[in-house]
Amino acid sequence: IRKRLEKINYEIDDLCAKYGVKRPEILGASKYVNIDVVK
């Protein structure tokens, strides 16, 4: 999960710079994910 989030954050920074937009927030859609994984 740490690796996935790092990768997404890196890509977000990259695209924000490219498009000149403010950084959006990441929401984890935790549909079937149990609380331990959320924590």
PDB file of all heavy atoms in Angstrom:
ATOM      1  N   ILE A   1       0.834  -1.206   0.000  1.00  0.00           N
ATOM      2  CA  ILE A   1       0.000   0.000   0.000  1.00  0.00           C
ATOM      3  C   ILE A   1       0.865   1.252   0.000  1.00  0.00           C
ATOM      4  O   ILE A   1       0.596   2.208  -0.721  1.00  0.00           O
ATOM      5  CB  ILE A   1      -0.985  -0.022   1.191  1.00  0.00           C
ATOM      6  CG1 ILE A   1      -2.066  -1.067   0.926  1.00  0.00           C
ATOM      7  CG2 ILE A   1      -1.635   1.349   1.401  1.00  0.00           C
ATOM      8  CD1 ILE A   1      -3.084  -1.247   2.022  1.00  0.00           C
ATOM      9  N   ARG A   2       1.935   1.240   0.791  1.00  0.00           N
ATOM     10  CA  ARG A   2       2.840   2.384   0.827  1.00  0.00           C
ATOM     11  C   ARG A   2       3.396   2.676  -0.575  1.00  0.00           C
ATOM     12  O   ARG A   2       3.420   3.806  -1.035  1.00  0.00           O
ATOM     13  CB  ARG A   2       3.984   2.138   1.807  1.00  0.00           C
ATOM     14  CG  ARG A   2       4.825   3.399   2.059  1.00  0.00           C
ATOM     15  CD  ARG A   2       6.089   3.104   2.849  1.00  0.00           C
ATOM     16  NE  ARG A   2       5.835   2.581   4.189  1.00  0.00           N
ATOM     17  CZ  ARG A   2       5.423   3.327   5.216  1.00  0.00           C
ATOM     18  NH1 ARG A   2       5.184   4.616   5.058  1.00  0.00           N
ATOM     19  NH2 ARG A   2       5.223   2.786   6.392  1.00  0.00           N
ATOM     20  N   LYS A   3       3.817   1.609  -1.247  1.00  0.00           N
ATOM     21  CA  LYS A   3       4.379   1.756  -2.604  1.00  0.00           C
ATOM     22  C   LYS A   3       3.351   2.317  -3.573  1.00  0.00           C
ATOM     23  O   LYS A   3       3.652   3.190  -4.384  1.00  0.00           O
ATOM     24  CB  LYS A   3       4.889   0.403  -3.116  1.00  0.00           C
ATOM     25  CG  LYS A   3       6.213  -0.013  -2.514  1.00  0.00           C
ATOM     26  CD  LYS A   3       7.135  -0.606  -3.595  1.00  0.00           C
ATOM     27  CE  LYS A   3       8.584  -0.613  -3.128  1.00  0.00           C
ATOM     28  NZ  LYS A   3       8.787  -1.570  -1.993  1.00  0.00           N
ATOM     29  N   ARG A   4       2.133   1.800  -3.505  1.00  0.00           N
ATOM     30  CA  ARG A   4       1.074   2.281  -4.406  1.00  0.00           C
ATOM     31  C   ARG A   4       0.792   3.765  -4.173  1.00  0.00           C
ATOM     32  O   ARG A   4       0.653   4.536  -5.113  1.00  0.00           O
ATOM     33  CB  ARG A   4      -0.207   1.476  -4.200  1.00  0.00           C
ATOM     34  CG  ARG A   4      -0.128   0.075  -4.786  1.00  0.00           C
ATOM     35  CD  ARG A   4      -1.496  -0.584  -4.738  1.00  0.00           C
ATOM     36  NE  ARG A   4      -1.414  -1.989  -5.094  1.00  0.00           N
ATOM     37  CZ  ARG A   4      -1.965  -2.978  -4.390  1.00  0.00           C
ATOM     38  NH1 ARG A   4      -2.651  -2.700  -3.285  1.00  0.00           N
ATOM     39  NH2 ARG A   4      -1.857  -4.221  -4.781  1.00  0.00           N
ATOM     40  N   LEU A   5       0.690   4.143  -2.904  1.00  0.00           N
ATOM     41  CA  LEU A   5       0.411   5.543  -2.579  1.00  0.00           C
ATOM     42  C   LEU A   5       1.564   6.452  -3.022  1.00  0.00           C
ATOM     43  O   LEU A   5       1.333   7.546  -3.530  1.00  0.00           O
ATOM     44  CB  LEU A   5       0.138   5.715  -1.085  1.00  0.00           C
ATOM     45  CG  LEU A   5      -1.261   5.299  -0.623  1.00  0.00           C
ATOM     46  CD1 LEU A   5      -1.332   5.218   0.907  1.00  0.00           C
ATOM     47  CD2 LEU A   5      -2.335   6.252  -1.138  1.00  0.00           C
ATOM     48  N   GLU A   6       2.784   5.984  -2.827  1.00  0.00           N
ATOM     49  CA  GLU A   6       3.960   6.756  -3.263  1.00  0.00           C
ATOM     50  C   GLU A   6       3.908   7.003  -4.761  1.00  0.00           C
ATOM     51  O   GLU A   6       4.136   8.107  -5.237  1.00  0.00           O
ATOM     52  CB  GLU A   6       5.255   6.004  -2.928  1.00  0.00           C
ATOM     53  CG  GLU A   6       5.915   6.491  -1.661  1.00  0.00           C
ATOM     54  CD  GLU A   6       7.087   5.605  -1.244  1.00  0.00           C
ATOM     55  OE1 GLU A   6       7.675   4.908  -2.122  1.00  0.00           O
ATOM     56  OE2 GLU A   6       7.398   5.592  -0.043  1.00  0.00           O
ATOM     57  N   LYS A   7       3.601   5.936  -5.488  1.00  0.00           N
ATOM     58  CA  LYS A   7       3.544   6.005  -6.943  1.00  0.00           C
ATOM     59  C   LYS A   7       2.457   6.992  -7.393  1.00  0.00           C
ATOM     60  O   LYS A   7       2.674   7.837  -8.260  1.00  0.00           O
ATOM     61  CB  LYS A   7       3.262   4.604  -7.508  1.00  0.00           C
ATOM     62  CG  LYS A   7       3.247   4.493  -9.013  1.00  0.00           C
ATOM     63  CD  LYS A   7       3.127   3.016  -9.411  1.00  0.00           C
ATOM     64  CE  LYS A   7       2.982   2.848 -10.916  1.00  0.00           C
ATOM     65  NZ  LYS A   7       1.615   3.210 -11.390  1.00  0.00           N
ATOM     66  N   ILE A   8       1.277   6.892  -6.769  1.00  0.00           N
ATOM     67  CA  ILE A   8       0.174   7.790  -7.119  1.00  0.00           C
ATOM     68  C   ILE A   8       0.550   9.241  -6.799  1.00  0.00           C
ATOM     69  O   ILE A   8       0.352  10.144  -7.610  1.00  0.00           O
ATOM     70  CB  ILE A   8      -1.118   7.401  -6.357  1.00  0.00           C
ATOM     71  CG1 ILE A   8      -1.629   6.045  -6.841  1.00  0.00           C
ATOM     72  CG2 ILE A   8      -2.203   8.458  -6.554  1.00  0.00           C
ATOM     73  CD1 ILE A   8      -2.630   5.378  -5.893  1.00  0.00           C
ATOM     74  N   ASN A   9       1.118   9.460  -5.607  1.00  0.00           N
ATOM     75  CA  ASN A   9       1.500  10.816  -5.205  1.00  0.00           C
ATOM     76  C   ASN A   9       2.535  11.420  -6.138  1.00  0.00           C
ATOM     77  O   ASN A   9       2.476  12.605  -6.475  1.00  0.00           O
ATOM     78  CB  ASN A   9       2.016  10.820  -3.765  1.00  0.00           C
ATOM     79  CG  ASN A   9       0.877  10.905  -2.760  1.00  0.00           C
ATOM     80  OD1 ASN A   9      -0.011  11.738  -2.900  1.00  0.00           O
ATOM     81  ND2 ASN A   9       0.894  10.039  -1.766  1.00  0.00           N
ATOM     82  N   TYR A  10       3.470  10.588  -6.553  1.00  0.00           N
ATOM     83  CA  TYR A  10       4.511  11.034  -7.465  1.00  0.00           C
ATOM     84  C   TYR A  10       3.890  11.465  -8.799  1.00  0.00           C
ATOM     85  O   TYR A  10       4.201  12.515  -9.353  1.00  0.00           O
ATOM     86  CB  TYR A  10       5.513   9.890  -7.670  1.00  0.00           C
ATOM     87  CG  TYR A  10       6.683  10.240  -8.548  1.00  0.00           C
ATOM     88  CD1 TYR A  10       7.714  11.046  -8.068  1.00  0.00           C
ATOM     89  CD2 TYR A  10       6.767   9.754  -9.857  1.00  0.00           C
ATOM     90  CE1 TYR A  10       8.795  11.370  -8.881  1.00  0.00           C
ATOM     91  CE2 TYR A  10       7.835  10.075 -10.672  1.00  0.00           C
ATOM     92  CZ  TYR A  10       8.850  10.887 -10.183  1.00  0.00           C
ATOM     93  OH  TYR A  10       9.917  11.204 -10.981  1.00  0.00           O
ATOM     94  N   GLU A  11       2.975  10.642  -9.277  1.00  0.00           N
ATOM     95  CA  GLU A  11       2.306  10.921 -10.546  1.00  0.00           C
ATOM     96  C   GLU A  11       1.418  12.173 -10.436  1.00  0.00           C
ATOM     97  O   GLU A  11       1.342  12.979 -11.365  1.00  0.00           O
ATOM     98  CB  GLU A  11       1.473   9.706 -10.978  1.00  0.00           C
ATOM     99  CG  GLU A  11       1.219   9.675 -12.472  1.00  0.00           C
ATOM    100  CD  GLU A  11       0.440   8.445 -12.926  1.00  0.00           C
ATOM    101  OE1 GLU A  11       0.503   7.392 -12.243  1.00  0.00           O
ATOM    102  OE2 GLU A  11      -0.256   8.545 -13.958  1.00  0.00           O
ATOM    103  N   ILE A  12       0.763  12.326  -9.297  1.00  0.00           N
ATOM    104  CA  ILE A  12      -0.070  13.514  -9.072  1.00  0.00           C
ATOM    105  C   ILE A  12       0.780  14.788  -9.132  1.00  0.00           C
ATOM    106  O   ILE A  12       0.427  15.747  -9.813  1.00  0.00           O
ATOM    107  CB  ILE A  12      -0.823  13.421  -7.725  1.00  0.00           C
ATOM    108  CG1 ILE A  12      -1.979  12.423  -7.839  1.00  0.00           C
ATOM    109  CG2 ILE A  12      -1.374  14.792  -7.304  1.00  0.00           C
ATOM    110  CD1 ILE A  12      -2.741  12.181  -6.545  1.00  0.00           C
ATOM    111  N   ASP A  13       1.904  14.787  -8.421  1.00  0.00           N
ATOM    112  CA  ASP A  13       2.797  15.958  -8.439  1.00  0.00           C
ATOM    113  C   ASP A  13       3.197  16.308  -9.860  1.00  0.00           C
ATOM    114  O   ASP A  13       3.207  17.471 -10.262  1.00  0.00           O
ATOM    115  CB  ASP A  13       4.054  15.679  -7.609  1.00  0.00           C
ATOM    116  CG  ASP A  13       3.766  15.713  -6.119  1.00  0.00           C
ATOM    117  OD1 ASP A  13       2.753  16.324  -5.730  1.00  0.00           O
ATOM    118  OD2 ASP A  13       4.540  15.124  -5.343  1.00  0.00           O
ATOM    119  N   ASP A  14       3.543  15.266 -10.586  1.00  0.00           N
ATOM    120  CA  ASP A  14       3.976  15.400 -11.966  1.00  0.00           C
ATOM    121  C   ASP A  14       2.894  16.055 -12.832  1.00  0.00           C
ATOM    122  O   ASP A  14       3.151  17.000 -13.571  1.00  0.00           O
ATOM    123  CB  ASP A  14       4.244  13.980 -12.485  1.00  0.00           C
ATOM    124  CG  ASP A  14       5.420  13.956 -13.437  1.00  0.00           C
ATOM    125  OD1 ASP A  14       6.342  14.770 -13.236  1.00  0.00           O
ATOM    126  OD2 ASP A  14       5.382  13.134 -14.366  1.00  0.00           O
ATOM    127  N   LEU A  15       1.668  15.536 -12.736  1.00  0.00           N
ATOM    128  CA  LEU A  15       0.564  16.020 -13.563  1.00  0.00           C
ATOM    129  C   LEU A  15       0.096  17.413 -13.131  1.00  0.00           C
ATOM    130  O   LEU A  15      -0.288  18.224 -13.967  1.00  0.00           O
ATOM    131  CB  LEU A  15      -0.608  15.034 -13.520  1.00  0.00           C
ATOM    132  CG  LEU A  15      -0.375  13.698 -14.233  1.00  0.00           C
ATOM    133  CD1 LEU A  15      -1.539  12.748 -13.983  1.00  0.00           C
ATOM    134  CD2 LEU A  15      -0.166  13.885 -15.728  1.00  0.00           C
ATOM    135  N   CYS A  16       0.165  17.690 -11.833  1.00  0.00           N
ATOM    136  CA  CYS A  16      -0.214  19.028 -11.355  1.00  0.00           C
ATOM    137  C   CYS A  16       0.726  20.076 -11.955  1.00  0.00           C
ATOM    138  O   CYS A  16       0.285  21.151 -12.370  1.00  0.00           O
ATOM    139  CB  CYS A  16      -0.165  19.098  -9.839  1.00  0.00           C
ATOM    140  SG  CYS A  16      -1.561  18.282  -9.058  1.00  0.00           S
ATOM    141  N   ALA A  17       1.998  19.738 -12.000  1.00  0.00           N
ATOM    142  CA  ALA A  17       2.976  20.646 -12.600  1.00  0.00           C
ATOM    143  C   ALA A  17       2.705  20.797 -14.093  1.00  0.00           C
ATOM    144  O   ALA A  17       2.701  21.896 -14.642  1.00  0.00           O
ATOM    145  CB  ALA A  17       4.391  20.122 -12.361  1.00  0.00           C
ATOM    146  N   LYS A  18       2.407  19.671 -14.726  1.00  0.00           N
ATOM    147  CA  LYS A  18       2.178  19.670 -16.172  1.00  0.00           C
ATOM    148  C   LYS A  18       0.951  20.499 -16.559  1.00  0.00           C
ATOM    149  O   LYS A  18       0.978  21.268 -17.517  1.00  0.00           O
ATOM    150  CB  LYS A  18       2.011  18.222 -16.651  1.00  0.00           C
ATOM    151  CG  LYS A  18       1.765  18.070 -18.136  1.00  0.00           C
ATOM    152  CD  LYS A  18       1.631  16.597 -18.514  1.00  0.00           C
ATOM    153  CE  LYS A  18       1.179  16.449 -19.957  1.00  0.00           C
ATOM    154  NZ  LYS A  18       0.971  15.024 -20.306  1.00  0.00           N
ATOM    155  N   TYR A  19      -0.139  20.343 -15.808  1.00  0.00           N
ATOM    156  CA  TYR A  19      -1.392  21.024 -16.162  1.00  0.00           C
ATOM    157  C   TYR A  19      -1.583  22.348 -15.419  1.00  0.00           C
ATOM    158  O   TYR A  19      -2.559  23.057 -15.636  1.00  0.00           O
ATOM    159  CB  TYR A  19      -2.603  20.118 -15.875  1.00  0.00           C
ATOM    160  CG  TYR A  19      -2.605  18.833 -16.669  1.00  0.00           C
ATOM    161  CD1 TYR A  19      -2.769  17.601 -16.025  1.00  0.00           C
ATOM    162  CD2 TYR A  19      -2.449  18.839 -18.058  1.00  0.00           C
ATOM    163  CE1 TYR A  19      -2.781  16.410 -16.756  1.00  0.00           C
ATOM    164  CE2 TYR A  19      -2.456  17.660 -18.786  1.00  0.00           C
ATOM    165  CZ  TYR A  19      -2.615  16.452 -18.127  1.00  0.00           C
ATOM    166  OH  TYR A  19      -2.626  15.284 -18.841  1.00  0.00           O
ATOM    167  N   GLY A  20      -0.688  22.642 -14.481  1.00  0.00           N
ATOM    168  CA  GLY A  20      -0.809  23.864 -13.701  1.00  0.00           C
ATOM    169  C   GLY A  20      -2.062  23.895 -12.843  1.00  0.00           C
ATOM    170  O   GLY A  20      -2.755  24.907 -12.772  1.00  0.00           O
ATOM    171  N   VAL A  21      -2.353  22.781 -12.193  1.00  0.00           N
ATOM    172  CA  VAL A  21      -3.534  22.723 -11.321  1.00  0.00           C
ATOM    173  C   VAL A  21      -3.118  22.466  -9.874  1.00  0.00           C
ATOM    174  O   VAL A  21      -2.013  22.003  -9.616  1.00  0.00           O
ATOM    175  CB  VAL A  21      -4.536  21.625 -11.765  1.00  0.00           C
ATOM    176  CG1 VAL A  21      -5.129  21.950 -13.126  1.00  0.00           C
ATOM    177  CG2 VAL A  21      -3.875  20.245 -11.772  1.00  0.00           C
ATOM    178  N   LYS A  22      -4.028  22.787  -8.959  1.00  0.00           N
ATOM    179  CA  LYS A  22      -3.783  22.533  -7.539  1.00  0.00           C
ATOM    180  C   LYS A  22      -3.863  21.050  -7.260  1.00  0.00           C
ATOM    181  O   LYS A  22      -4.614  20.318  -7.893  1.00  0.00           O
ATOM    182  CB  LYS A  22      -4.849  23.239  -6.700  1.00  0.00           C
ATOM    183  CG  LYS A  22      -4.546  24.692  -6.393  1.00  0.00           C
ATOM    184  CD  LYS A  22      -5.216  25.049  -5.048  1.00  0.00           C
ATOM    185  CE  LYS A  22      -5.333  26.539  -4.835  1.00  0.00           C
ATOM    186  NZ  LYS A  22      -6.402  27.141  -5.660  1.00  0.00           N
ATOM    187  N   ARG A  23      -3.133  20.641  -6.236  1.00  0.00           N
ATOM    188  CA  ARG A  23      -3.086  19.228  -5.882  1.00  0.00           C
ATOM    189  C   ARG A  23      -4.431  18.736  -5.330  1.00  0.00           C
ATOM    190  O   ARG A  23      -4.949  19.286  -4.368  1.00  0.00           O
ATOM    191  CB  ARG A  23      -2.018  19.052  -4.814  1.00  0.00           C
ATOM    192  CG  ARG A  23      -1.716  17.628  -4.489  1.00  0.00           C
ATOM    193  CD  ARG A  23      -0.559  17.539  -3.514  1.00  0.00           C
ATOM    194  NE  ARG A  23       0.336  16.480  -3.955  1.00  0.00           N
ATOM    195  CZ  ARG A  23       0.046  15.193  -3.885  1.00  0.00           C
ATOM    196  NH1 ARG A  23      -1.115  14.797  -3.423  1.00  0.00           N
ATOM    197  NH2 ARG A  23       0.909  14.289  -4.305  1.00  0.00           N
ATOM    198  N   PRO A  24      -4.997  17.705  -5.951  1.00  0.00           N
ATOM    199  CA  PRO A  24      -6.252  17.161  -5.402  1.00  0.00           C
ATOM    200  C   PRO A  24      -5.970  16.239  -4.222  1.00  0.00           C
ATOM    201  O   PRO A  24      -4.838  15.818  -4.001  1.00  0.00           O
ATOM    202  CB  PRO A  24      -6.821  16.366  -6.582  1.00  0.00           C
ATOM    203  CG  PRO A  24      -5.621  15.949  -7.360  1.00  0.00           C
ATOM    204  CD  PRO A  24      -4.571  17.001  -7.162  1.00  0.00           C
ATOM    205  N   GLU A  25      -7.025  15.951  -3.494  1.00  0.00           N
ATOM    206  CA  GLU A  25      -6.929  15.032  -2.380  1.00  0.00           C
ATOM    207  C   GLU A  25      -7.184  13.608  -2.883  1.00  0.00           C
ATOM    208  O   GLU A  25      -7.987  13.403  -3.787  1.00  0.00           O
ATOM    209  CB  GLU A  25      -8.006  15.429  -1.376  1.00  0.00           C
ATOM    210  CG  GLU A  25      -8.204  14.457  -0.257  1.00  0.00           C
ATOM    211  CD  GLU A  25      -9.432  14.800   0.578  1.00  0.00           C
ATOM    212  OE1 GLU A  25     -10.553  14.807   0.042  1.00  0.00           O
ATOM    213  OE2 GLU A  25      -9.241  15.064   1.767  1.00  0.00           O
ATOM    214  N   ILE A  26      -6.512  12.661  -2.266  1.00  0.00           N
ATOM    215  CA  ILE A  26      -6.783  11.254  -2.577  1.00  0.00           C
ATOM    216  C   ILE A  26      -7.767  10.711  -1.539  1.00  0.00           C
ATOM    217  O   ILE A  26      -7.521  10.798  -0.335  1.00  0.00           O
ATOM    218  CB  ILE A  26      -5.496  10.402  -2.507  1.00  0.00           C
ATOM    219  CG1 ILE A  26      -4.458  10.899  -3.513  1.00  0.00           C
ATOM    220  CG2 ILE A  26      -5.816   8.938  -2.747  1.00  0.00           C
ATOM    221  CD1 ILE A  26      -3.101  10.232  -3.344  1.00  0.00           C
ATOM    222  N   LEU A  27      -8.861  10.177  -2.030  1.00  0.00           N
ATOM    223  CA  LEU A  27      -9.812   9.497  -1.152  1.00  0.00           C
ATOM    224  C   LEU A  27      -9.705   8.005  -1.445  1.00  0.00           C
ATOM    225  O   LEU A  27      -9.742   7.588  -2.609  1.00  0.00           O
ATOM    226  CB  LEU A  27     -11.229  10.003  -1.436  1.00  0.00           C
ATOM    227  CG  LEU A  27     -12.413   9.291  -0.764  1.00  0.00           C
ATOM    228  CD1 LEU A  27     -13.539  10.286  -0.511  1.00  0.00           C
ATOM    229  CD2 LEU A  27     -12.960   8.147  -1.616  1.00  0.00           C
ATOM    230  N   GLY A  28      -9.552   7.203  -0.415  1.00  0.00           N
ATOM    231  CA  GLY A  28      -9.517   5.752  -0.605  1.00  0.00           C
ATOM    232  C   GLY A  28     -10.929   5.201  -0.580  1.00  0.00           C
ATOM    233  O   GLY A  28     -11.593   5.236   0.459  1.00  0.00           O
ATOM    234  N   ALA A  29     -11.399   4.730  -1.734  1.00  0.00           N
ATOM    235  CA  ALA A  29     -12.742   4.144  -1.783  1.00  0.00           C
ATOM    236  C   ALA A  29     -12.630   2.743  -1.194  1.00  0.00           C
ATOM    237  O   ALA A  29     -12.141   1.819  -1.836  1.00  0.00           O
ATOM    238  CB  ALA A  29     -13.239   4.099  -3.227  1.00  0.00           C
ATOM    239  N   SER A  30     -13.078   2.616   0.048  1.00  0.00           N
ATOM    240  CA  SER A  30     -12.716   1.402   0.791  1.00  0.00           C
ATOM    241  C   SER A  30     -13.861   0.410   0.888  1.00  0.00           C
ATOM    242  O   SER A  30     -14.070  -0.249   1.899  1.00  0.00           O
ATOM    243  CB  SER A  30     -12.225   1.779   2.187  1.00  0.00           C
ATOM    244  OG  SER A  30     -13.247   2.417   2.906  1.00  0.00           O
ATOM    245  N   LYS A  31     -14.600   0.342  -0.206  1.00  0.00           N
ATOM    246  CA  LYS A  31     -15.750  -0.537  -0.349  1.00  0.00           C
ATOM    247  C   LYS A  31     -15.665  -1.875   0.407  1.00  0.00           C
ATOM    248  O   LYS A  31     -16.386  -2.109   1.352  1.00  0.00           O
ATOM    249  CB  LYS A  31     -15.927  -0.829  -1.841  1.00  0.00           C
ATOM    250  CG  LYS A  31     -17.359  -1.015  -2.262  1.00  0.00           C
ATOM    251  CD  LYS A  31     -17.425  -1.401  -3.733  1.00  0.00           C
ATOM    252  CE  LYS A  31     -17.957  -0.288  -4.587  1.00  0.00           C
ATOM    253  NZ  LYS A  31     -18.306  -0.724  -5.938  1.00  0.00           N
ATOM    254  N   TYR A  32     -14.752  -2.734  -0.029  1.00  0.00           N
ATOM    255  CA  TYR A  32     -14.699  -4.077   0.576  1.00  0.00           C
ATOM    256  C   TYR A  32     -13.483  -4.243   1.467  1.00  0.00           C
ATOM    257  O   TYR A  32     -13.059  -5.347   1.745  1.00  0.00           O
ATOM    258  CB  TYR A  32     -14.656  -5.134  -0.523  1.00  0.00           C
ATOM    259  CG  TYR A  32     -15.835  -5.041  -1.436  1.00  0.00           C
ATOM    260  CD1 TYR A  32     -15.704  -4.552  -2.737  1.00  0.00           C
ATOM    261  CD2 TYR A  32     -17.100  -5.399  -0.995  1.00  0.00           C
ATOM    262  CE1 TYR A  32     -16.795  -4.445  -3.571  1.00  0.00           C
ATOM    263  CE2 TYR A  32     -18.201  -5.291  -1.812  1.00  0.00           C
ATOM    264  CZ  TYR A  32     -18.044  -4.821  -3.099  1.00  0.00           C
ATOM    265  OH  TYR A  32     -19.131  -4.703  -3.912  1.00  0.00           O
ATOM    266  N   VAL A  33     -12.915  -3.122   1.880  1.00  0.00           N
ATOM    267  CA  VAL A  33     -11.649  -3.187   2.586  1.00  0.00           C
ATOM    268  C   VAL A  33     -11.901  -3.137   4.086  1.00  0.00           C
ATOM    269  O   VAL A  33     -12.630  -2.277   4.564  1.00  0.00           O
ATOM    270  CB  VAL A  33     -10.766  -1.990   2.158  1.00  0.00           C
ATOM    271  CG1 VAL A  33      -9.461  -1.981   2.923  1.00  0.00           C
ATOM    272  CG2 VAL A  33     -10.505  -2.046   0.661  1.00  0.00           C
ATOM    273  N   ASN A  34     -11.303  -4.055   4.819  1.00  0.00           N
ATOM    274  CA  ASN A  34     -11.586  -4.060   6.258  1.00  0.00           C
ATOM    275  C   ASN A  34     -10.809  -2.972   6.990  1.00  0.00           C
ATOM    276  O   ASN A  34      -9.901  -2.362   6.443  1.00  0.00           O
ATOM    277  CB  ASN A  34     -11.364  -5.454   6.866  1.00  0.00           C
ATOM    278  CG  ASN A  34      -9.899  -5.849   6.859  1.00  0.00           C
ATOM    279  OD1 ASN A  34      -9.020  -5.021   7.042  1.00  0.00           O
ATOM    280  ND2 ASN A  34      -9.635  -7.129   6.656  1.00  0.00           N
ATOM    281  N   ILE A  35     -11.169  -2.754   8.224  1.00  0.00           N
ATOM    282  CA  ILE A  35     -10.656  -1.612   8.976  1.00  0.00           C
ATOM    283  C   ILE A  35      -9.141  -1.677   9.184  1.00  0.00           C
ATOM    284  O   ILE A  35      -8.464  -0.649   9.224  1.00  0.00           O
ATOM    285  CB  ILE A  35     -11.421  -1.445  10.333  1.00  0.00           C
ATOM    286  CG1 ILE A  35     -11.084  -0.115  11.003  1.00  0.00           C
ATOM    287  CG2 ILE A  35     -11.185  -2.628  11.245  1.00  0.00           C
ATOM    288  CD1 ILE A  35     -11.550   1.133  10.276  1.00  0.00           C
ATOM    289  N   ASP A  36      -8.585  -2.879   9.287  1.00  0.00           N
ATOM    290  CA  ASP A  36      -7.127  -2.986   9.473  1.00  0.00           C
ATOM    291  C   ASP A  36      -6.385  -2.433   8.265  1.00  0.00           C
ATOM    292  O   ASP A  36      -5.367  -1.757   8.409  1.00  0.00           O
ATOM    293  CB  ASP A  36      -6.712  -4.450   9.694  1.00  0.00           C
ATOM    294  CG  ASP A  36      -7.343  -5.021  10.955  1.00  0.00           C
ATOM    295  OD1 ASP A  36      -7.668  -4.210  11.851  1.00  0.00           O
ATOM    296  OD2 ASP A  36      -7.521  -6.245  11.035  1.00  0.00           O
ATOM    297  N   VAL A  37      -6.915  -2.728   7.098  1.00  0.00           N
ATOM    298  CA  VAL A  37      -6.292  -2.230   5.875  1.00  0.00           C
ATOM    299  C   VAL A  37      -6.448  -0.705   5.784  1.00  0.00           C
ATOM    300  O   VAL A  37      -5.534   0.010   5.389  1.00  0.00           O
ATOM    301  CB  VAL A  37      -6.881  -2.924   4.618  1.00  0.00           C
ATOM    302  CG1 VAL A  37      -6.270  -2.363   3.347  1.00  0.00           C
ATOM    303  CG2 VAL A  37      -6.639  -4.432   4.695  1.00  0.00           C
ATOM    304  N   VAL A  38      -7.610  -0.219   6.191  1.00  0.00           N
ATOM    305  CA  VAL A  38      -7.840   1.233   6.219  1.00  0.00           C
ATOM    306  C   VAL A  38      -6.830   1.902   7.149  1.00  0.00           C
ATOM    307  O   VAL A  38      -6.220   2.916   6.806  1.00  0.00           O
ATOM    308  CB  VAL A  38      -9.290   1.554   6.670  1.00  0.00           C
ATOM    309  CG1 VAL A  38      -9.458   3.047   6.952  1.00  0.00           C
ATOM    310  CG2 VAL A  38     -10.286   1.109   5.605  1.00  0.00           C
ATOM    311  N   LYS A  39      -6.616   1.323   8.325  1.00  0.00           N
ATOM    312  CA  LYS A  39      -5.654   1.883   9.286  1.00  0.00           C
ATOM    313  C   LYS A  39      -4.244   1.844   8.719  1.00  0.00           C
ATOM    314  O   LYS A  39      -3.465   2.788   8.895  1.00  0.00           O
ATOM    315  CB  LYS A  39      -5.701   1.097  10.600  1.00  0.00           C
ATOM    316  CG  LYS A  39      -6.913   1.419  11.446  1.00  0.00           C
ATOM    317  CD  LYS A  39      -6.906   0.581  12.721  1.00  0.00           C
ATOM    318  CE  LYS A  39      -7.978   1.044  13.693  1.00  0.00           C
ATOM    319  NZ  LYS A  39      -8.191   0.060  14.767  1.00  0.00           N
TER     320      LYS A  39
END
